[in-house]
């Protein structure tokens, strides 16, 4: 389709598509330069070596010769060229954007259609879609001009549940990319294990520990009470059992990649755990973490006494530690990310600039602003707006 510019007050949108090749942009801009055109905007996308290039140009006076020259250039290079005169000023260029990140192990057309439908049904429009990653998950970023933001969030929560995918809605702009501190839970988050269960197996008291855990889940014991009661069952356990448990700890898939990428990008990375310092300190050394906090087991003459020294890192203390770590790093809470899976993490998730429930219990998923339900810790990177090309894949995952 060719439209010759007649209204000199309106810029000309030139759209070029076809197989990508060297010098496409160079040649087109050279033609526009010869005609004395001014470039107002330009954007290019390449998908499987197929190019779509949009150039918005303002040309003084009707210049059918320029249109003819561009058409001839396109023909000789087997490119399709279309022209359209557009509005002098975009009515939505200054409107605020929201970023909707969608990820899953398998993102079907139906799932993505449900996301776009939730935006449209609440009065919004999609401005841009960018694929962030194809491994270990598929992830897309939608730049959206929202209508009713609260209604859109509620609708997307239903879409995520029905389609079994993860969706995060965040304000667009620099604030989204200004996160500088990530604080994680350890058990069932950074690692796949629960260290108290591993210690109980070493001490031969697994059944008793499970029974206490179940009482805590029923609300019969608070976290501190249940922790101290379980630790008392470990009395007399030889200190060598700690090394054996370390050997059995399994990092969550993507954990090393996650931490390594964050550190390369300048993030501070910390863990706060309801577990024990003998493990968090070890993990800090293994992964190069900046901070690590947990409970301290009392060890006397090479044996566990069955006591925890000092205060317990519980739900409230985790949130306090998040604030303390942020303050020590000179980072406002709005620029922090907290990651956890249990009720013990809820205060921390709520206090952070972004709280992410990672493979979390249903009650935690319902209260968290962002969920990640795939079994890869590095998938969280895409919720931060990073692309697969930003991920540091060196070494072990």
Protein backbone atom coordinates (compact mmCIF):
# COMPACT_ATOMS: atom_id res chain seq x y z
CA UNK A 1 0.00 0.00 0.00
CA UNK A 2 1.38 3.43 -0.96
CA UNK A 3 -0.03 6.76 0.17
CA UNK A 4 1.65 9.88 -1.11
CA UNK A 5 2.06 12.49 1.63
CA UNK A 6 -0.30 15.38 1.06
CA UNK A 7 -0.70 16.90 4.53
CA UNK A 8 2.73 18.36 5.29
CA UNK A 9 1.72 18.90 8.93
CA UNK A 10 1.57 15.18 9.57
CA UNK A 11 4.61 12.87 9.79
CA UNK A 12 5.01 9.91 7.50
CA UNK A 13 5.26 6.41 8.95
CA UNK A 14 7.41 4.17 6.77
CA UNK A 15 7.15 0.45 7.49
CA UNK A 16 9.68 -1.95 5.97
CA UNK A 17 9.39 -5.73 6.31
CA UNK A 18 11.12 -8.77 4.87
CA UNK A 19 14.22 -10.90 5.34
CA UNK A 20 16.85 -9.04 7.34
CA UNK A 21 20.08 -8.17 5.64
CA UNK A 22 23.00 -5.78 6.18
CA UNK A 23 22.60 -2.05 5.47
CA UNK A 24 18.79 -1.93 5.49
CA UNK A 25 18.66 0.90 8.03
CA UNK A 26 21.69 2.62 6.49
CA UNK A 27 20.18 2.69 3.00
CA UNK A 28 16.75 3.88 4.11
CA UNK A 29 18.15 6.65 6.29
CA UNK A 30 20.45 7.75 3.45
CA UNK A 31 17.40 8.23 1.19
CA UNK A 32 15.61 10.20 3.89
CA UNK A 33 18.71 12.32 4.46
CA UNK A 34 18.94 13.20 0.78
CA UNK A 35 15.33 14.41 0.90
CA UNK A 36 16.02 16.58 3.96
CA UNK A 37 13.67 14.56 6.19
CA UNK A 38 13.71 14.77 10.00
CA UNK A 39 13.50 11.51 11.97
CA UNK A 40 10.97 11.62 14.82
CA UNK A 41 11.02 7.98 15.87
CA UNK A 42 12.42 4.64 14.81
CA UNK A 43 12.03 1.06 15.98
CA UNK A 44 13.14 -2.30 14.64
CA UNK A 45 12.24 -5.90 15.47
CA UNK A 46 13.71 -9.08 14.02
CA UNK A 47 11.97 -12.43 14.49
CA UNK A 48 13.60 -15.49 12.89
CA UNK A 49 15.62 -13.26 10.54
CA UNK A 50 12.44 -11.45 9.42
CA UNK A 51 12.69 -7.70 9.85
CA UNK A 52 10.02 -5.15 10.73
CA UNK A 53 11.37 -1.60 10.70
CA UNK A 54 9.24 1.47 11.44
CA UNK A 55 10.58 4.96 10.76
CA UNK A 56 8.56 8.07 11.55
CA UNK A 57 9.81 10.95 9.40
CA UNK A 58 8.74 14.54 8.81
CA UNK A 59 9.29 15.82 5.31
CA UNK A 60 8.93 19.42 4.15
CA UNK A 61 6.41 19.43 1.31
CA UNK A 62 4.96 16.55 -0.66
CA UNK A 63 7.80 14.50 -2.03
CA UNK A 64 6.52 11.82 -4.36
CA UNK A 65 10.08 11.38 -5.61
CA UNK A 66 11.17 10.19 -2.18
CA UNK A 67 8.27 7.72 -2.03
CA UNK A 68 9.21 6.43 -5.47
CA UNK A 69 12.88 6.07 -4.51
CA UNK A 70 12.03 4.16 -1.31
CA UNK A 71 9.65 1.86 -3.20
CA UNK A 72 12.31 1.14 -5.81
CA UNK A 73 14.89 0.48 -3.11
CA UNK A 74 12.49 -1.89 -1.35
CA UNK A 75 11.72 -3.74 -4.57
CA UNK A 76 15.38 -4.26 -5.46
CA UNK A 77 16.04 -5.64 -1.97
CA UNK A 78 12.91 -7.86 -1.87
CA UNK A 79 11.44 -5.81 0.96
CA UNK A 80 7.82 -4.76 1.42
CA UNK A 81 7.36 -1.04 2.04
CA UNK A 82 4.20 0.71 3.22
CA UNK A 83 3.50 4.39 3.91
CA UNK A 84 0.95 6.01 6.17
CA UNK A 85 0.47 9.58 7.33
CA UNK A 86 -0.17 9.58 11.08
CA UNK A 87 -1.12 12.03 13.80
CA UNK A 88 1.32 14.84 14.49
CA UNK A 89 1.27 14.05 18.22
CA UNK A 90 0.66 10.69 19.89
CA UNK A 91 -2.24 10.94 22.30
CA UNK A 92 -0.85 8.20 24.53
CA UNK A 93 2.90 8.82 24.45
CA UNK A 94 2.86 10.46 27.91
CA UNK A 95 0.43 8.05 29.56
CA UNK A 96 1.89 5.89 32.37
CA UNK A 97 2.75 2.29 31.55
CA UNK A 98 2.49 -0.88 33.58
CA UNK A 99 4.66 -3.91 32.99
CA UNK A 100 2.94 -7.29 32.97
CA UNK A 101 5.40 -10.18 33.12
CA UNK A 102 4.02 -13.58 32.19
CA UNK A 103 6.00 -16.78 32.65
CA UNK A 104 5.45 -20.50 32.62
CA UNK A 105 7.04 -23.72 31.51
CA UNK A 106 4.57 -23.82 28.63
CA UNK A 107 2.80 -20.60 27.61
CA UNK A 108 -0.01 -21.56 25.25
CA UNK A 109 -1.79 -19.18 22.85
CA UNK A 110 -4.86 -19.58 25.07
CA UNK A 111 -2.92 -18.40 28.13
CA UNK A 112 -1.51 -15.37 26.35
CA UNK A 113 -4.93 -14.59 24.87
CA UNK A 114 -6.39 -14.65 28.38
CA UNK A 115 -3.76 -12.15 29.52
CA UNK A 116 -4.47 -9.78 26.65
CA UNK A 117 -8.20 -10.22 27.21
CA UNK A 118 -7.86 -9.22 30.86
CA UNK A 119 -6.12 -6.02 29.79
CA UNK A 120 -8.71 -5.17 27.12
CA UNK A 121 -11.72 -6.06 29.27
CA UNK A 122 -10.62 -3.59 31.94
CA UNK A 123 -10.15 -0.71 29.51
CA UNK A 124 -6.43 -1.10 28.81
CA UNK A 125 -4.33 -1.41 25.68
CA UNK A 126 -1.08 -3.27 25.03
CA UNK A 127 1.66 -0.97 23.78
CA UNK A 128 4.45 -3.50 23.28
CA UNK A 129 5.26 -7.19 23.79
CA UNK A 130 8.81 -8.45 24.26
CA UNK A 131 9.93 -12.03 24.76
CA UNK A 132 12.26 -12.20 27.75
CA UNK A 133 13.29 -15.83 27.78
CA UNK A 134 12.75 -19.32 26.43
CA UNK A 135 14.68 -21.20 29.13
CA UNK A 136 14.37 -22.45 31.80
CA UNK A 137 10.88 -21.00 31.29
CA UNK A 138 9.12 -18.98 28.63
CA UNK A 139 8.57 -15.37 29.66
CA UNK A 140 7.02 -12.32 28.00
CA UNK A 141 6.82 -8.70 29.05
CA UNK A 142 3.73 -6.69 28.10
CA UNK A 143 3.99 -2.88 28.26
CA UNK A 144 0.42 -1.82 28.99
CA UNK A 145 -1.51 1.41 29.21
CA UNK A 146 -3.96 0.31 31.86
CA UNK A 147 -7.56 1.32 32.22
CA UNK A 148 -8.80 0.28 35.65
CA UNK A 149 -5.54 -0.93 37.24
CA UNK A 150 -7.15 -2.64 40.24
CA UNK A 151 -9.67 -4.45 38.06
CA UNK A 152 -6.89 -5.51 35.71
CA UNK A 153 -4.84 -6.92 38.60
CA UNK A 154 -7.83 -8.88 39.90
CA UNK A 155 -8.60 -10.23 36.45
CA UNK A 156 -4.99 -11.29 35.90
CA UNK A 157 -4.97 -13.11 39.25
CA UNK A 158 -7.84 -15.22 37.95
CA UNK A 159 -6.06 -15.77 34.63
CA UNK A 160 -2.90 -16.94 36.42
CA UNK A 161 -4.91 -19.39 38.53
CA UNK A 162 -7.00 -20.72 35.63
CA UNK A 163 -4.11 -21.00 33.17
CA UNK A 164 -1.57 -22.19 35.78
CA UNK A 165 0.96 -19.52 34.88
CA UNK A 166 2.68 -16.75 36.83
CA UNK A 167 1.87 -13.08 36.26
CA UNK A 168 3.39 -9.98 37.84
CA UNK A 169 1.99 -6.47 37.42
CA UNK A 170 4.33 -3.59 38.19
CA UNK A 171 4.49 0.11 37.48
CA UNK A 172 6.63 0.71 34.42
CA UNK A 173 9.59 3.03 34.15
CA UNK A 174 12.84 3.28 36.07
CA UNK A 175 11.39 2.31 39.45
CA UNK A 176 10.82 -1.22 38.24
CA UNK A 177 14.46 -1.63 37.29
CA UNK A 178 15.82 0.11 40.39
CA UNK A 179 15.75 -2.95 42.64
CA UNK A 180 19.15 -3.38 44.33
CA UNK A 181 18.76 -5.92 47.16
CA UNK A 182 17.35 -9.46 47.12
CA UNK A 183 16.65 -11.22 50.43
CA UNK A 184 15.68 -14.89 50.39
CA UNK A 185 14.41 -17.55 52.70
CA UNK A 186 16.56 -20.69 52.67
CA UNK A 187 14.62 -23.90 53.31
CA UNK A 188 12.47 -24.85 50.29
CA UNK A 189 13.55 -21.63 48.58
CA UNK A 190 17.31 -21.35 48.10
CA UNK A 191 17.62 -25.07 48.86
CA UNK A 192 15.20 -27.90 48.24
CA UNK A 193 15.48 -29.32 51.75
CA UNK A 194 14.26 -28.51 55.26
CA UNK A 195 17.41 -28.70 57.38
CA UNK A 196 15.56 -29.47 60.61
CA UNK A 197 14.21 -32.62 58.94
CA UNK A 198 17.69 -33.65 57.83
CA UNK A 199 19.03 -33.14 61.35
CA UNK A 200 16.10 -35.11 62.76
CA UNK A 201 16.96 -38.02 60.47
CA UNK A 202 20.53 -37.93 61.78
CA UNK A 203 19.21 -37.92 65.38
CA UNK A 204 16.62 -40.64 64.72
CA UNK A 205 13.67 -38.47 65.75
CA UNK A 206 11.99 -37.73 62.42
CA UNK A 207 8.52 -38.86 63.50
CA UNK A 208 8.56 -36.64 66.59
CA UNK A 209 9.73 -33.62 64.58
CA UNK A 210 7.01 -34.17 61.98
CA UNK A 211 4.39 -34.36 64.74
CA UNK A 212 5.54 -31.03 66.19
CA UNK A 213 5.53 -29.43 62.74
CA UNK A 214 1.95 -30.60 62.21
CA UNK A 215 0.91 -29.10 65.56
CA UNK A 216 2.46 -25.80 64.51
CA UNK A 217 0.59 -25.88 61.22
CA UNK A 218 -2.66 -26.41 63.12
CA UNK A 219 -1.89 -23.29 65.16
CA UNK A 220 -1.25 -25.15 68.42
CA UNK A 221 2.33 -23.81 68.59
CA UNK A 222 3.89 -20.60 67.34
CA UNK A 223 7.05 -20.75 65.26
CA UNK A 224 9.42 -20.09 68.16
CA UNK A 225 7.77 -22.68 70.36
CA UNK A 226 7.80 -25.32 67.66
CA UNK A 227 11.41 -24.59 66.73
CA UNK A 228 12.69 -24.83 70.29
CA UNK A 229 10.72 -28.02 70.88
CA UNK A 230 12.12 -29.65 67.75
CA UNK A 231 15.68 -28.56 68.54
CA UNK A 232 15.43 -30.12 72.02
CA UNK A 233 14.95 -33.46 70.30
CA UNK A 234 18.42 -33.04 68.77
CA UNK A 235 20.14 -33.00 72.14
CA UNK A 236 23.29 -35.13 72.11
CA UNK A 237 23.61 -35.17 68.33
CA UNK A 238 27.27 -35.24 67.38
CA UNK A 239 28.63 -32.11 65.68
CA UNK A 240 29.86 -34.27 62.80
CA UNK A 241 26.21 -34.70 61.78
CA UNK A 242 26.25 -31.07 60.63
CA UNK A 243 28.85 -31.88 57.98
CA UNK A 244 26.84 -34.91 56.88
CA UNK A 245 23.72 -32.76 56.52
CA UNK A 246 25.66 -30.17 54.50
CA UNK A 247 26.60 -32.96 52.13
CA UNK A 248 22.92 -33.81 51.66
CA UNK A 249 21.73 -30.26 50.98
CA UNK A 250 20.51 -29.76 47.44
CA UNK A 251 20.36 -26.28 45.94
CA UNK A 252 17.16 -25.35 44.16
CA UNK A 253 17.66 -25.57 40.36
CA UNK A 254 18.92 -22.23 39.07
CA UNK A 255 20.12 -21.06 42.50
CA UNK A 256 23.74 -20.53 41.48
CA UNK A 257 22.71 -18.84 38.24
CA UNK A 258 20.31 -16.60 40.16
CA UNK A 259 22.87 -15.43 42.70
CA UNK A 260 25.70 -15.16 40.19
CA UNK A 261 23.59 -13.00 37.83
CA UNK A 262 22.37 -10.72 40.61
CA UNK A 263 25.89 -10.15 41.88
CA UNK A 264 27.24 -9.46 38.40
CA UNK A 265 24.52 -6.82 37.97
CA UNK A 266 25.46 -5.17 41.26
CA UNK A 267 22.69 -6.44 43.54
CA UNK A 268 23.32 -7.19 47.20
CA UNK A 269 22.09 -10.73 48.01
CA UNK A 270 21.13 -11.99 51.47
CA UNK A 271 19.44 -14.91 53.18
CA UNK A 272 17.33 -14.80 56.34
CA UNK A 273 16.35 -18.19 57.65
CA UNK A 274 14.37 -19.83 60.40
CA UNK A 275 17.02 -22.54 60.16
CA UNK A 276 20.53 -22.44 61.53
CA UNK A 277 23.72 -20.43 61.10
CA UNK A 278 25.83 -23.57 60.67
CA UNK A 279 24.11 -23.93 57.29
CA UNK A 280 23.47 -20.33 56.25
CA UNK A 281 27.10 -19.42 56.91
CA UNK A 282 28.21 -22.36 54.81
CA UNK A 283 25.84 -21.33 52.00
CA UNK A 284 27.14 -17.77 52.23
CA UNK A 285 30.65 -19.04 51.58
CA UNK A 286 29.53 -21.39 48.81
CA UNK A 287 27.52 -18.78 46.88
CA UNK A 288 29.22 -15.51 47.79
CA UNK A 289 26.21 -14.05 49.59
CA UNK A 290 26.55 -10.60 51.14
CA UNK A 291 24.53 -11.31 54.31
CA UNK A 292 23.24 -14.41 56.11
CA UNK A 293 21.09 -14.58 59.25
CA UNK A 294 19.58 -17.56 61.06
CA UNK A 295 19.26 -19.18 64.47
CA UNK A 296 22.31 -20.32 66.44
CA UNK A 297 22.47 -23.88 67.70
CA UNK A 298 24.29 -24.29 71.01
CA UNK A 299 27.16 -26.76 70.68
CA UNK A 300 29.18 -27.86 73.71
CA UNK A 301 32.00 -30.42 73.66
CA UNK A 302 31.18 -31.35 70.07
CA UNK A 303 27.50 -32.09 70.72
CA UNK A 304 24.24 -30.20 70.26
CA UNK A 305 22.73 -29.24 73.63
CA UNK A 306 19.21 -29.04 72.23
CA UNK A 307 19.04 -25.26 72.77
CA UNK A 308 18.91 -22.24 70.51
CA UNK A 309 21.03 -19.31 71.61
CA UNK A 310 19.48 -15.85 71.67
CA UNK A 311 16.33 -14.72 69.90
CA UNK A 312 14.65 -16.73 67.18
CA UNK A 313 14.42 -15.63 63.56
CA UNK A 314 10.67 -15.81 63.18
CA UNK A 315 8.14 -14.09 60.91
CA UNK A 316 8.49 -10.66 62.51
CA UNK A 317 12.27 -10.90 62.82
CA UNK A 318 12.62 -11.70 59.10
CA UNK A 319 10.90 -8.43 58.21
CA UNK A 320 13.12 -6.58 60.69
CA UNK A 321 16.23 -8.14 59.18
CA UNK A 322 15.12 -7.11 55.69
CA UNK A 323 14.92 -3.50 56.89
CA UNK A 324 18.24 -3.74 58.74
CA UNK A 325 20.08 -5.21 55.76
CA UNK A 326 18.61 -2.58 53.44
CA UNK A 327 19.68 0.18 55.83
CA UNK A 328 23.21 -1.22 56.08
CA UNK A 329 23.46 -1.23 52.28
CA UNK A 330 21.93 2.26 51.98
CA UNK A 331 19.02 0.90 49.97
CA UNK A 332 15.39 2.02 50.50
CA UNK A 333 12.84 -0.73 51.08
CA UNK A 334 11.13 0.22 47.81
CA UNK A 335 14.23 -1.10 46.01
CA UNK A 336 14.24 -4.49 47.73
CA UNK A 337 12.98 -7.90 46.66
CA UNK A 338 12.01 -10.61 49.17
CA UNK A 339 11.56 -14.27 48.21
CA UNK A 340 10.03 -16.99 50.36
CA UNK A 341 7.64 -19.91 50.45
CA UNK A 342 6.03 -20.08 53.90
CA UNK A 343 3.82 -18.16 56.31
CA UNK A 344 6.99 -17.27 58.19
CA UNK A 345 7.96 -15.12 55.19
CA UNK A 346 4.73 -13.14 54.79
CA UNK A 347 5.79 -10.03 56.75
CA UNK A 348 9.05 -9.89 54.83
CA UNK A 349 7.24 -10.25 51.50
CA UNK A 350 4.82 -7.48 52.42
CA UNK A 351 7.58 -5.11 53.54
CA UNK A 352 9.73 -5.44 50.42
CA UNK A 353 9.35 -3.36 47.29
CA UNK A 354 8.52 -6.65 45.56
CA UNK A 355 7.50 -9.75 47.51
CA UNK A 356 7.69 -13.03 45.59
CA UNK A 357 6.09 -16.26 46.78
CA UNK A 358 8.30 -19.00 45.35
CA UNK A 359 6.63 -22.41 45.01
CA UNK A 360 4.73 -21.33 48.07
CA UNK A 361 1.97 -22.80 50.19
CA UNK A 362 -1.53 -21.81 48.98
CA UNK A 363 -2.11 -19.36 51.85
CA UNK A 364 1.13 -17.57 50.99
CA UNK A 365 0.37 -17.47 47.27
CA UNK A 366 -2.96 -15.82 47.98
CA UNK A 367 -1.36 -12.99 49.95
CA UNK A 368 1.78 -12.37 47.87
CA UNK A 369 1.87 -9.67 45.22
CA UNK A 370 3.94 -11.87 42.88
CA UNK A 371 4.15 -15.65 42.59
CA UNK A 372 6.61 -17.93 40.83
CA UNK A 373 5.44 -21.53 40.71
CA UNK A 374 8.03 -23.09 38.40
CA UNK A 375 10.84 -25.05 40.09
CA UNK A 376 13.66 -22.76 38.91
CA UNK A 377 14.95 -20.03 41.16
CA UNK A 378 16.52 -18.12 38.28
CA UNK A 379 13.06 -17.65 36.74
CA UNK A 380 12.68 -14.83 39.27
CA UNK A 381 15.16 -12.83 37.20
CA UNK A 382 12.51 -12.35 34.54
CA UNK A 383 10.06 -10.93 37.07
CA UNK A 384 12.72 -8.23 37.59
CA UNK A 385 12.53 -7.40 33.88
CA UNK A 386 15.80 -9.09 32.91
CA UNK A 387 16.13 -10.97 29.63
CA UNK A 388 17.63 -14.34 28.97
CA UNK A 389 20.66 -12.61 27.46
CA UNK A 390 21.28 -10.89 30.82
CA UNK A 391 21.58 -14.20 32.69
CA UNK A 392 25.07 -15.34 33.71
CA UNK A 393 25.02 -19.01 32.72
CA UNK A 394 28.66 -19.76 33.49
CA UNK A 395 29.55 -22.71 35.69
CA UNK A 396 27.00 -24.80 37.56
CA UNK A 397 23.34 -23.83 37.75
